[in-house]
N, C-alpha and C. Protein backbone atom coordinates (compact mmCIF):
# COMPACT_ATOMS: atom_id res chain seq x y z
N MET A 1 0.84 -1.18 0.00
CA MET A 1 0.00 0.00 0.00
C MET A 1 0.88 1.25 0.00
N ILE A 2 0.55 2.18 -0.82
CA ILE A 2 1.30 3.43 -0.93
C ILE A 2 0.79 4.41 0.11
N GLN A 3 1.73 4.97 0.85
CA GLN A 3 1.39 5.96 1.87
C GLN A 3 2.13 7.26 1.57
N PRO A 4 1.47 8.40 1.75
CA PRO A 4 2.16 9.67 1.57
C PRO A 4 3.31 9.81 2.55
N ASP A 5 4.43 10.34 2.09
CA ASP A 5 5.58 10.63 2.94
C ASP A 5 5.53 12.13 3.24
N PRO A 6 5.23 12.51 4.50
CA PRO A 6 5.08 13.93 4.83
C PRO A 6 6.30 14.77 4.47
N GLN A 7 7.52 14.23 4.65
CA GLN A 7 8.72 14.98 4.30
C GLN A 7 8.82 15.21 2.80
N CYS A 8 8.47 14.20 2.03
CA CYS A 8 8.49 14.32 0.57
C CYS A 8 7.48 15.35 0.11
N LEU A 9 6.28 15.30 0.67
CA LEU A 9 5.24 16.26 0.27
C LEU A 9 5.63 17.68 0.64
N GLN A 10 6.27 17.85 1.79
CA GLN A 10 6.74 19.17 2.20
C GLN A 10 7.80 19.68 1.23
N LEU A 11 8.71 18.81 0.84
CA LEU A 11 9.75 19.19 -0.12
C LEU A 11 9.12 19.59 -1.46
N LEU A 12 8.17 18.81 -1.95
CA LEU A 12 7.51 19.13 -3.21
C LEU A 12 6.80 20.48 -3.12
N GLU A 13 6.18 20.74 -1.99
CA GLU A 13 5.50 22.02 -1.80
C GLU A 13 6.50 23.17 -1.86
N GLN A 14 7.66 23.00 -1.24
CA GLN A 14 8.70 24.03 -1.27
C GLN A 14 9.25 24.22 -2.69
N LEU A 15 9.54 23.11 -3.37
CA LEU A 15 10.08 23.19 -4.72
C LEU A 15 9.10 23.86 -5.68
N ARG A 16 7.84 23.58 -5.48
CA ARG A 16 6.82 24.12 -6.39
C ARG A 16 6.74 25.64 -6.35
N GLU A 17 7.22 26.23 -5.27
CA GLU A 17 7.21 27.69 -5.17
C GLU A 17 8.11 28.33 -6.23
N ASN A 18 9.18 27.61 -6.63
CA ASN A 18 10.15 28.18 -7.57
C ASN A 18 10.33 27.39 -8.86
N TYR A 19 9.77 26.19 -8.92
CA TYR A 19 9.99 25.32 -10.07
C TYR A 19 8.69 24.71 -10.56
N THR A 20 8.68 24.37 -11.84
CA THR A 20 7.60 23.58 -12.40
C THR A 20 7.97 22.12 -12.17
N LEU A 21 7.04 21.35 -11.61
CA LEU A 21 7.31 19.95 -11.31
C LEU A 21 6.51 19.06 -12.25
N ALA A 22 7.18 18.08 -12.79
CA ALA A 22 6.54 17.19 -13.76
C ALA A 22 6.98 15.75 -13.50
N VAL A 23 6.20 14.82 -14.00
CA VAL A 23 6.51 13.40 -13.88
C VAL A 23 6.54 12.81 -15.28
N ILE A 24 7.57 12.00 -15.56
CA ILE A 24 7.64 11.21 -16.78
C ILE A 24 7.77 9.77 -16.31
N THR A 25 6.81 8.93 -16.69
CA THR A 25 6.82 7.56 -16.20
C THR A 25 6.33 6.59 -17.26
N ASN A 26 6.74 5.36 -17.13
CA ASN A 26 6.27 4.29 -18.01
C ASN A 26 5.13 3.55 -17.34
N GLY A 27 4.27 2.96 -18.15
CA GLY A 27 3.24 2.08 -17.59
C GLY A 27 1.84 2.47 -17.95
N SER A 28 0.92 1.87 -17.26
CA SER A 28 -0.51 2.09 -17.43
C SER A 28 -0.90 3.45 -16.85
N ALA A 29 -1.59 4.23 -17.62
CA ALA A 29 -2.01 5.56 -17.16
C ALA A 29 -2.87 5.46 -15.91
N HIS A 30 -3.80 4.53 -15.91
CA HIS A 30 -4.70 4.38 -14.75
C HIS A 30 -3.89 4.05 -13.50
N LEU A 31 -3.00 3.09 -13.60
CA LEU A 31 -2.21 2.65 -12.46
C LEU A 31 -1.26 3.75 -11.98
N GLN A 32 -0.57 4.39 -12.91
CA GLN A 32 0.40 5.42 -12.52
C GLN A 32 -0.29 6.62 -11.87
N ARG A 33 -1.43 7.03 -12.41
CA ARG A 33 -2.17 8.15 -11.80
C ARG A 33 -2.69 7.78 -10.42
N ALA A 34 -3.12 6.52 -10.26
CA ALA A 34 -3.59 6.06 -8.95
C ALA A 34 -2.46 6.07 -7.93
N LYS A 35 -1.26 5.66 -8.36
CA LYS A 35 -0.09 5.68 -7.47
C LYS A 35 0.25 7.10 -7.03
N LEU A 36 0.26 8.03 -7.98
CA LEU A 36 0.59 9.42 -7.66
C LEU A 36 -0.44 10.01 -6.70
N LYS A 37 -1.68 9.67 -6.90
CA LYS A 37 -2.73 10.17 -6.01
C LYS A 37 -2.60 9.55 -4.63
N ALA A 38 -2.39 8.24 -4.55
CA ALA A 38 -2.26 7.56 -3.26
C ALA A 38 -1.08 8.10 -2.46
N ALA A 39 0.00 8.46 -3.15
CA ALA A 39 1.19 9.01 -2.49
C ALA A 39 1.01 10.48 -2.12
N GLY A 40 -0.06 11.11 -2.62
CA GLY A 40 -0.31 12.52 -2.35
C GLY A 40 0.51 13.45 -3.22
N ILE A 41 1.22 12.89 -4.17
CA ILE A 41 2.13 13.67 -5.02
C ILE A 41 1.39 14.44 -6.10
N ASP A 42 0.29 13.90 -6.56
CA ASP A 42 -0.43 14.50 -7.69
C ASP A 42 -0.79 15.96 -7.50
N GLN A 43 -1.03 16.37 -6.29
CA GLN A 43 -1.42 17.76 -6.04
C GLN A 43 -0.28 18.76 -6.21
N TYR A 44 0.96 18.26 -6.27
CA TYR A 44 2.12 19.14 -6.42
C TYR A 44 2.71 19.11 -7.82
N ILE A 45 2.22 18.24 -8.66
CA ILE A 45 2.77 18.05 -9.99
C ILE A 45 2.00 18.89 -11.00
N ASP A 46 2.74 19.64 -11.81
CA ASP A 46 2.11 20.50 -12.81
C ASP A 46 1.68 19.72 -14.05
N GLN A 47 2.51 18.76 -14.48
CA GLN A 47 2.17 17.96 -15.66
C GLN A 47 2.73 16.55 -15.50
N ILE A 48 2.05 15.61 -16.16
CA ILE A 48 2.43 14.20 -16.09
C ILE A 48 2.46 13.62 -17.50
N TRP A 49 3.55 12.90 -17.81
CA TRP A 49 3.65 12.17 -19.08
C TRP A 49 3.77 10.70 -18.75
N ILE A 50 2.83 9.92 -19.27
CA ILE A 50 2.82 8.47 -19.04
C ILE A 50 2.92 7.79 -20.39
N SER A 51 3.80 6.81 -20.47
CA SER A 51 4.09 6.16 -21.75
C SER A 51 2.84 5.68 -22.47
N GLU A 52 1.90 5.12 -21.75
CA GLU A 52 0.69 4.62 -22.38
C GLU A 52 -0.07 5.73 -23.11
N GLU A 53 0.00 6.94 -22.60
CA GLU A 53 -0.72 8.07 -23.19
C GLU A 53 0.09 8.78 -24.28
N THR A 54 1.40 8.73 -24.17
CA THR A 54 2.24 9.50 -25.10
C THR A 54 2.66 8.70 -26.32
N GLY A 55 2.58 7.37 -26.22
CA GLY A 55 3.04 6.53 -27.33
C GLY A 55 4.54 6.36 -27.37
N SER A 56 5.22 6.81 -26.34
CA SER A 56 6.67 6.70 -26.24
C SER A 56 7.01 6.36 -24.79
N ALA A 57 8.03 5.53 -24.61
CA ALA A 57 8.40 5.11 -23.26
C ALA A 57 9.87 5.39 -22.99
N LYS A 58 10.19 5.68 -21.74
CA LYS A 58 11.59 5.82 -21.35
C LYS A 58 12.30 4.50 -21.64
N PRO A 59 13.48 4.52 -22.15
CA PRO A 59 14.43 5.63 -22.27
C PRO A 59 14.36 6.38 -23.60
N ASP A 60 13.35 6.15 -24.42
CA ASP A 60 13.22 6.85 -25.71
C ASP A 60 13.23 8.36 -25.49
N ALA A 61 14.04 9.05 -26.26
CA ALA A 61 14.16 10.51 -26.13
C ALA A 61 12.83 11.22 -26.37
N GLU A 62 11.92 10.61 -27.14
CA GLU A 62 10.67 11.27 -27.51
C GLU A 62 9.84 11.68 -26.30
N ILE A 63 9.72 10.83 -25.29
CA ILE A 63 8.89 11.17 -24.13
C ILE A 63 9.50 12.33 -23.35
N PHE A 64 10.82 12.37 -23.26
CA PHE A 64 11.50 13.49 -22.60
C PHE A 64 11.34 14.77 -23.42
N SER A 65 11.46 14.65 -24.74
CA SER A 65 11.31 15.81 -25.63
C SER A 65 9.90 16.39 -25.55
N GLN A 66 8.89 15.51 -25.52
CA GLN A 66 7.51 15.98 -25.40
C GLN A 66 7.33 16.82 -24.13
N ALA A 67 7.88 16.32 -23.04
CA ALA A 67 7.74 17.03 -21.77
C ALA A 67 8.44 18.39 -21.81
N LEU A 68 9.67 18.40 -22.29
CA LEU A 68 10.42 19.66 -22.34
C LEU A 68 9.72 20.68 -23.23
N HIS A 69 9.24 20.23 -24.38
CA HIS A 69 8.54 21.13 -25.30
C HIS A 69 7.29 21.71 -24.63
N ALA A 70 6.49 20.86 -24.01
CA ALA A 70 5.26 21.33 -23.37
C ALA A 70 5.54 22.28 -22.21
N LEU A 71 6.63 22.05 -21.52
CA LEU A 71 6.99 22.91 -20.39
C LEU A 71 7.70 24.19 -20.83
N GLY A 72 8.15 24.21 -22.09
CA GLY A 72 8.81 25.39 -22.62
C GLY A 72 10.21 25.60 -22.05
N VAL A 73 10.91 24.51 -21.79
CA VAL A 73 12.27 24.62 -21.26
C VAL A 73 13.24 23.81 -22.12
N SER A 74 14.49 24.22 -22.09
CA SER A 74 15.52 23.47 -22.80
C SER A 74 15.98 22.32 -21.91
N PRO A 75 16.64 21.32 -22.48
CA PRO A 75 17.14 20.23 -21.65
C PRO A 75 18.07 20.71 -20.54
N GLN A 76 18.86 21.75 -20.81
CA GLN A 76 19.79 22.25 -19.81
C GLN A 76 19.09 22.98 -18.66
N GLN A 77 17.83 23.33 -18.85
CA GLN A 77 17.07 24.00 -17.79
C GLN A 77 16.30 23.01 -16.92
N ALA A 78 16.40 21.74 -17.22
CA ALA A 78 15.61 20.73 -16.51
C ALA A 78 16.52 19.78 -15.73
N LEU A 79 16.06 19.37 -14.59
CA LEU A 79 16.75 18.35 -13.80
C LEU A 79 15.81 17.16 -13.72
N TYR A 80 16.27 16.01 -14.23
CA TYR A 80 15.47 14.79 -14.18
C TYR A 80 15.98 13.92 -13.03
N VAL A 81 15.07 13.58 -12.13
CA VAL A 81 15.39 12.73 -10.99
C VAL A 81 14.75 11.37 -11.21
N GLY A 82 15.54 10.32 -11.12
CA GLY A 82 15.01 8.98 -11.32
C GLY A 82 15.80 7.94 -10.58
N ASP A 83 15.25 6.73 -10.51
CA ASP A 83 15.92 5.65 -9.79
C ASP A 83 16.36 4.49 -10.68
N HIS A 84 16.10 4.59 -11.98
CA HIS A 84 16.50 3.52 -12.89
C HIS A 84 17.65 4.01 -13.77
N PRO A 85 18.83 3.37 -13.67
CA PRO A 85 19.99 3.86 -14.42
C PRO A 85 19.75 4.00 -15.93
N HIS A 86 19.17 2.99 -16.55
CA HIS A 86 19.01 3.03 -18.01
C HIS A 86 17.80 3.86 -18.41
N GLN A 87 16.62 3.52 -17.92
CA GLN A 87 15.40 4.21 -18.35
C GLN A 87 15.40 5.68 -17.96
N ASP A 88 15.84 5.99 -16.76
CA ASP A 88 15.78 7.37 -16.29
C ASP A 88 17.04 8.17 -16.66
N ILE A 89 18.16 7.73 -16.14
CA ILE A 89 19.38 8.52 -16.29
C ILE A 89 19.88 8.52 -17.74
N SER A 90 20.04 7.35 -18.33
CA SER A 90 20.50 7.28 -19.71
C SER A 90 19.52 7.97 -20.65
N GLY A 91 18.22 7.75 -20.43
CA GLY A 91 17.20 8.37 -21.27
C GLY A 91 17.25 9.89 -21.23
N ALA A 92 17.33 10.46 -20.05
CA ALA A 92 17.36 11.92 -19.91
C ALA A 92 18.68 12.51 -20.41
N ARG A 93 19.78 11.83 -20.15
CA ARG A 93 21.09 12.33 -20.58
C ARG A 93 21.21 12.38 -22.10
N GLN A 94 20.57 11.43 -22.79
CA GLN A 94 20.72 11.38 -24.25
C GLN A 94 20.18 12.62 -24.94
N ILE A 95 19.31 13.38 -24.28
CA ILE A 95 18.84 14.62 -24.91
C ILE A 95 19.41 15.86 -24.21
N GLY A 96 20.35 15.65 -23.29
CA GLY A 96 21.05 16.77 -22.68
C GLY A 96 20.50 17.28 -21.37
N MET A 97 19.59 16.55 -20.74
CA MET A 97 19.06 16.98 -19.46
C MET A 97 20.07 16.73 -18.35
N LEU A 98 20.04 17.58 -17.33
CA LEU A 98 20.78 17.29 -16.12
C LEU A 98 20.07 16.12 -15.43
N THR A 99 20.84 15.24 -14.80
CA THR A 99 20.24 14.06 -14.20
C THR A 99 20.67 13.89 -12.76
N CYS A 100 19.76 13.33 -11.98
CA CYS A 100 20.03 13.01 -10.58
C CYS A 100 19.49 11.61 -10.31
N TRP A 101 20.38 10.74 -9.88
CA TRP A 101 19.99 9.35 -9.61
C TRP A 101 19.73 9.16 -8.12
N MET A 102 18.55 8.65 -7.79
CA MET A 102 18.23 8.27 -6.42
C MET A 102 18.70 6.83 -6.26
N ASP A 103 19.79 6.64 -5.53
CA ASP A 103 20.46 5.34 -5.53
C ASP A 103 19.79 4.24 -4.73
N LEU A 104 18.96 4.58 -3.76
CA LEU A 104 18.27 3.57 -2.95
C LEU A 104 19.25 2.49 -2.47
N GLU A 105 20.45 2.96 -2.08
CA GLU A 105 21.53 2.10 -1.56
C GLU A 105 22.05 1.09 -2.58
N ARG A 106 22.04 1.48 -3.85
CA ARG A 106 22.58 0.63 -4.92
C ARG A 106 23.78 1.32 -5.55
N THR A 107 24.57 0.55 -6.27
CA THR A 107 25.72 1.07 -7.01
C THR A 107 25.32 1.29 -8.45
N PHE A 108 25.68 2.45 -8.98
CA PHE A 108 25.35 2.77 -10.37
C PHE A 108 26.22 1.95 -11.30
N PRO A 109 25.64 1.34 -12.34
CA PRO A 109 26.44 0.51 -13.25
C PRO A 109 27.41 1.35 -14.09
N ASP A 110 28.61 0.81 -14.29
CA ASP A 110 29.65 1.51 -15.05
C ASP A 110 29.32 1.68 -16.52
N GLU A 111 28.52 0.77 -17.09
CA GLU A 111 28.27 0.79 -18.53
C GLU A 111 27.21 1.82 -18.95
N VAL A 112 26.60 2.50 -18.01
CA VAL A 112 25.56 3.50 -18.30
C VAL A 112 26.17 4.88 -18.05
N PRO A 113 25.86 5.88 -18.89
CA PRO A 113 26.36 7.23 -18.63
C PRO A 113 26.02 7.67 -17.20
N GLN A 114 27.02 8.15 -16.51
CA GLN A 114 26.87 8.51 -15.10
C GLN A 114 25.94 9.73 -14.92
N PRO A 115 25.19 9.74 -13.83
CA PRO A 115 24.33 10.90 -13.55
C PRO A 115 25.19 12.10 -13.13
N HIS A 116 24.62 13.27 -13.27
CA HIS A 116 25.31 14.48 -12.83
C HIS A 116 25.34 14.55 -11.30
N TYR A 117 24.28 14.06 -10.67
CA TYR A 117 24.15 14.08 -9.21
C TYR A 117 23.65 12.72 -8.74
N GLN A 118 23.88 12.45 -7.47
CA GLN A 118 23.39 11.21 -6.87
C GLN A 118 22.90 11.53 -5.47
N ILE A 119 21.71 11.03 -5.13
CA ILE A 119 21.15 11.23 -3.79
C ILE A 119 20.65 9.88 -3.26
N SER A 120 20.49 9.80 -1.95
CA SER A 120 20.03 8.55 -1.36
C SER A 120 18.52 8.55 -1.11
N SER A 121 17.92 9.73 -1.08
CA SER A 121 16.47 9.83 -0.92
C SER A 121 15.99 11.12 -1.55
N LEU A 122 14.71 11.18 -1.85
CA LEU A 122 14.17 12.39 -2.48
C LEU A 122 14.36 13.60 -1.58
N ASN A 123 14.34 13.39 -0.28
CA ASN A 123 14.52 14.51 0.64
C ASN A 123 15.90 15.16 0.50
N SER A 124 16.88 14.44 -0.03
CA SER A 124 18.22 14.99 -0.25
C SER A 124 18.24 15.95 -1.44
N LEU A 125 17.20 15.96 -2.23
CA LEU A 125 17.15 16.81 -3.41
C LEU A 125 17.23 18.28 -3.06
N GLU A 126 16.74 18.64 -1.91
CA GLU A 126 16.73 20.03 -1.48
C GLU A 126 18.12 20.65 -1.49
N SER A 127 19.14 19.84 -1.21
CA SER A 127 20.51 20.36 -1.18
C SER A 127 21.06 20.65 -2.59
N LEU A 128 20.41 20.14 -3.63
CA LEU A 128 20.90 20.33 -4.99
C LEU A 128 20.32 21.53 -5.71
N VAL A 129 19.18 21.99 -5.26
CA VAL A 129 18.51 23.09 -5.97
C VAL A 129 18.54 24.36 -5.14
N PRO A 130 18.77 25.48 -5.80
CA PRO A 130 18.84 26.76 -5.06
C PRO A 130 17.50 27.18 -4.50
């Protein structure tokens, strides 16, 4: 069962004051939206891209490009945070986005382009953004 993390929600609320927050995810639109709602994250997210709805899935550059275009930002103006080395980090890096890997106590594989930043939890993200 997914439970809201009060620290995560507080961080998202703070970030939203200065940044546009978006989600790019693979999977079923119904399931992914239900997860975001159950976690309480949906209320802080400005836009969501789900592979089932976009016709493109991570790590394909197209889903990242769609998001950047809709948000009106260049890849260099965006920070993509993810926990999957290939789908998230490699996918976002291939179009020039800054990347941050949430390691969840794992080692990043050498064969994948390294992330620009690495954190152990989403709450650590606050130290990376002004």
